[in-house]
Amino acid sequence: MKRRGIVLGLSFAAAACQWVPLTPGGKQVRVVSAADVAGCKEIATVTGKTTVTVGPMARDEAKIAREIEALARNEAASSGANVIVPKGPVDWDQRSYVAYRCEE
């Protein structure tokens, strides 16, 4: 019984965590609106996708959204982009973005 309590406690703690850190390049990628990319070069479409549950526990929607954004920013940076624009809302466990290279 004690073991079950430990497992449940760890599940709650894991559900609260954000697991995706921004890479140094990802930290340089900004999230902007479509109006902000006039004159920028479209590089790629990137998608952030993560898990919405840890075992039987649902994860916090805000943390899921931050994790998805971090994944997209990291991917955009590796493509040479410095700006991303969301293509739509978070769709369950993922969101797509258009990645651009803007001269600043």
C-alpha atoms as a PDB file:
ATOM      1  CA  MET A   1       0.000   0.000   0.000  1.00  0.00           C
ATOM      2  CA  LYS A   2       2.858   2.377   0.800  1.00  0.00           C
ATOM      3  CA  ARG A   3       4.409   1.676  -2.604  1.00  0.00           C
ATOM      4  CA  ARG A   4       1.161   2.646  -4.323  1.00  0.00           C
ATOM      5  CA  GLY A   5       1.164   5.978  -2.477  1.00  0.00           C
ATOM      6  CA  ILE A   6       4.726   6.666  -3.584  1.00  0.00           C
ATOM      7  CA  VAL A   7       3.868   5.860  -7.202  1.00  0.00           C
ATOM      8  CA  LEU A   8       0.814   8.131  -7.094  1.00  0.00           C
ATOM      9  CA  GLY A   9       2.843  10.919  -5.506  1.00  0.00           C
ATOM     10  CA  LEU A  10       5.496  10.659  -8.202  1.00  0.00           C
ATOM     11  CA  SER A  11       2.785  10.661 -10.881  1.00  0.00           C
ATOM     12  CA  PHE A  12       1.336  13.894  -9.486  1.00  0.00           C
ATOM     13  CA  ALA A  13       4.784  15.474  -9.370  1.00  0.00           C
ATOM     14  CA  ALA A  14       5.594  14.379 -12.930  1.00  0.00           C
ATOM     15  CA  ALA A  15       2.260  15.686 -14.221  1.00  0.00           C
ATOM     16  CA  ALA A  16       3.149  19.121 -12.864  1.00  0.00           C
ATOM     17  CA  CYS A  17       6.572  19.272 -14.547  1.00  0.00           C
ATOM     18  CA  GLN A  18       7.576  20.831 -17.820  1.00  0.00           C
ATOM     19  CA  TRP A  19      10.153  18.560 -19.406  1.00  0.00           C
ATOM     20  CA  VAL A  20      11.298  20.501 -22.444  1.00  0.00           C
ATOM     21  CA  PRO A  21      13.968  23.146 -21.873  1.00  0.00           C
ATOM     22  CA  LEU A  22      14.671  25.755 -24.515  1.00  0.00           C
ATOM     23  CA  THR A  23      17.965  25.271 -26.274  1.00  0.00           C
ATOM     24  CA  PRO A  24      20.252  28.307 -26.605  1.00  0.00           C
ATOM     25  CA  GLY A  25      18.999  28.694 -30.188  1.00  0.00           C
ATOM     26  CA  GLY A  26      15.379  28.220 -29.142  1.00  0.00           C
ATOM     27  CA  LYS A  27      15.752  31.087 -26.679  1.00  0.00           C
ATOM     28  CA  GLN A  28      16.524  33.367 -29.640  1.00  0.00           C
ATOM     29  CA  VAL A  29      13.301  32.441 -31.504  1.00  0.00           C
ATOM     30  CA  ARG A  30      10.388  34.799 -30.898  1.00  0.00           C
ATOM     31  CA  VAL A  31       6.701  33.932 -31.180  1.00  0.00           C
ATOM     32  CA  VAL A  32       4.863  36.676 -33.094  1.00  0.00           C
ATOM     33  CA  SER A  33       1.644  37.245 -35.038  1.00  0.00           C
ATOM     34  CA  ALA A  34       1.292  36.946 -38.814  1.00  0.00           C
ATOM     35  CA  ALA A  35       1.233  40.752 -39.078  1.00  0.00           C
ATOM     36  CA  ASP A  36       4.803  40.872 -37.725  1.00  0.00           C
ATOM     37  CA  VAL A  37       6.447  38.802 -40.487  1.00  0.00           C
ATOM     38  CA  ALA A  38       5.972  41.046 -43.530  1.00  0.00           C
ATOM     39  CA  GLY A  39       9.266  41.025 -45.393  1.00  0.00           C
ATOM     40  CA  CYS A  40      10.535  37.892 -43.631  1.00  0.00           C
ATOM     41  CA  LYS A  41      11.556  34.704 -45.437  1.00  0.00           C
ATOM     42  CA  GLU A  42       9.460  31.619 -44.722  1.00  0.00           C
ATOM     43  CA  ILE A  43      11.752  28.750 -43.764  1.00  0.00           C
ATOM     44  CA  ALA A  44       9.570  25.796 -42.750  1.00  0.00           C
ATOM     45  CA  THR A  45       6.561  24.540 -40.872  1.00  0.00           C
ATOM     46  CA  VAL A  46       7.444  23.226 -37.429  1.00  0.00           C
ATOM     47  CA  THR A  47       5.275  21.308 -35.008  1.00  0.00           C
ATOM     48  CA  GLY A  48       5.526  20.951 -31.270  1.00  0.00           C
ATOM     49  CA  LYS A  49       3.974  17.739 -29.961  1.00  0.00           C
ATOM     50  CA  THR A  50       4.004  16.399 -26.415  1.00  0.00           C
ATOM     51  CA  THR A  51       2.144  14.039 -24.130  1.00  0.00           C
ATOM     52  CA  VAL A  52      -1.012  15.165 -22.352  1.00  0.00           C
ATOM     53  CA  THR A  53      -1.022  12.456 -19.702  1.00  0.00           C
ATOM     54  CA  VAL A  54       1.457  10.876 -17.332  1.00  0.00           C
ATOM     55  CA  GLY A  55       0.082   7.462 -16.502  1.00  0.00           C
ATOM     56  CA  PRO A  56      -3.518   8.055 -15.457  1.00  0.00           C
ATOM     57  CA  MET A  57      -2.933  11.757 -14.703  1.00  0.00           C
ATOM     58  CA  ALA A  58      -3.834  14.541 -17.138  1.00  0.00           C
ATOM     59  CA  ARG A  59      -1.232  17.298 -17.396  1.00  0.00           C
ATOM     60  CA  ASP A  60      -1.968  20.992 -16.953  1.00  0.00           C
ATOM     61  CA  GLU A  61      -3.061  22.610 -20.249  1.00  0.00           C
ATOM     62  CA  ALA A  62      -0.898  25.704 -19.747  1.00  0.00           C
ATOM     63  CA  LYS A  63       2.199  23.556 -19.181  1.00  0.00           C
ATOM     64  CA  ILE A  64       1.371  21.489 -22.252  1.00  0.00           C
ATOM     65  CA  ALA A  65       1.094  24.693 -24.327  1.00  0.00           C
ATOM     66  CA  ARG A  66       4.449  26.010 -23.001  1.00  0.00           C
ATOM     67  CA  GLU A  67       6.121  22.688 -23.746  1.00  0.00           C
ATOM     68  CA  ILE A  68       4.701  22.579 -27.283  1.00  0.00           C
ATOM     69  CA  GLU A  69       5.938  26.127 -27.884  1.00  0.00           C
ATOM     70  CA  ALA A  70       9.407  25.276 -26.549  1.00  0.00           C
ATOM     71  CA  LEU A  71       9.633  22.269 -28.874  1.00  0.00           C
ATOM     72  CA  ALA A  72       8.603  24.400 -31.856  1.00  0.00           C
ATOM     73  CA  ARG A  73      11.066  27.166 -30.959  1.00  0.00           C
ATOM     74  CA  ASN A  74      13.902  24.623 -30.625  1.00  0.00           C
ATOM     75  CA  GLU A  75      13.018  23.044 -33.987  1.00  0.00           C
ATOM     76  CA  ALA A  76      12.729  26.443 -35.674  1.00  0.00           C
ATOM     77  CA  ALA A  77      16.167  27.450 -34.404  1.00  0.00           C
ATOM     78  CA  SER A  78      17.712  24.301 -35.861  1.00  0.00           C
ATOM     79  CA  SER A  79      16.146  25.260 -39.220  1.00  0.00           C
ATOM     80  CA  GLY A  80      17.742  28.709 -39.163  1.00  0.00           C
ATOM     81  CA  ALA A  81      14.543  30.573 -38.270  1.00  0.00           C
ATOM     82  CA  ASN A  82      14.346  33.302 -35.649  1.00  0.00           C
ATOM     83  CA  VAL A  83      10.562  33.851 -35.554  1.00  0.00           C
ATOM     84  CA  ILE A  84       7.553  31.527 -35.447  1.00  0.00           C
ATOM     85  CA  VAL A  85       3.867  32.238 -36.031  1.00  0.00           C
ATOM     86  CA  PRO A  86       1.183  29.857 -34.727  1.00  0.00           C
ATOM     87  CA  LYS A  87      -0.948  28.354 -37.521  1.00  0.00           C
ATOM     88  CA  GLY A  88      -3.848  27.772 -35.160  1.00  0.00           C
ATOM     89  CA  PRO A  89      -4.691  26.852 -31.578  1.00  0.00           C
ATOM     90  CA  VAL A  90      -3.236  23.949 -29.622  1.00  0.00           C
ATOM     91  CA  ASP A  91      -4.921  20.807 -30.920  1.00  0.00           C
ATOM     92  CA  TRP A  92      -4.932  18.342 -27.985  1.00  0.00           C
ATOM     93  CA  ASP A  93      -1.213  17.513 -27.886  1.00  0.00           C
ATOM     94  CA  GLN A  94       0.300  19.543 -30.717  1.00  0.00           C
ATOM     95  CA  ARG A  95       0.442  22.856 -32.533  1.00  0.00           C
ATOM     96  CA  SER A  96       1.951  23.845 -35.860  1.00  0.00           C
ATOM     97  CA  TYR A  97       3.859  27.045 -36.529  1.00  0.00           C
ATOM     98  CA  VAL A  98       5.328  28.695 -39.607  1.00  0.00           C
ATOM     99  CA  ALA A  99       9.006  29.445 -39.072  1.00  0.00           C
ATOM    100  CA  TYR A 100      10.557  32.567 -40.601  1.00  0.00           C
ATOM    101  CA  ARG A 101      13.948  34.219 -40.870  1.00  0.00           C
ATOM    102  CA  CYS A 102      13.563  37.944 -40.259  1.00  0.00           C
ATOM    103  CA  GLU A 103      16.382  40.444 -40.565  1.00  0.00           C
ATOM    104  CA  GLU A 104      16.352  42.634 -37.486  1.00  0.00           C
END
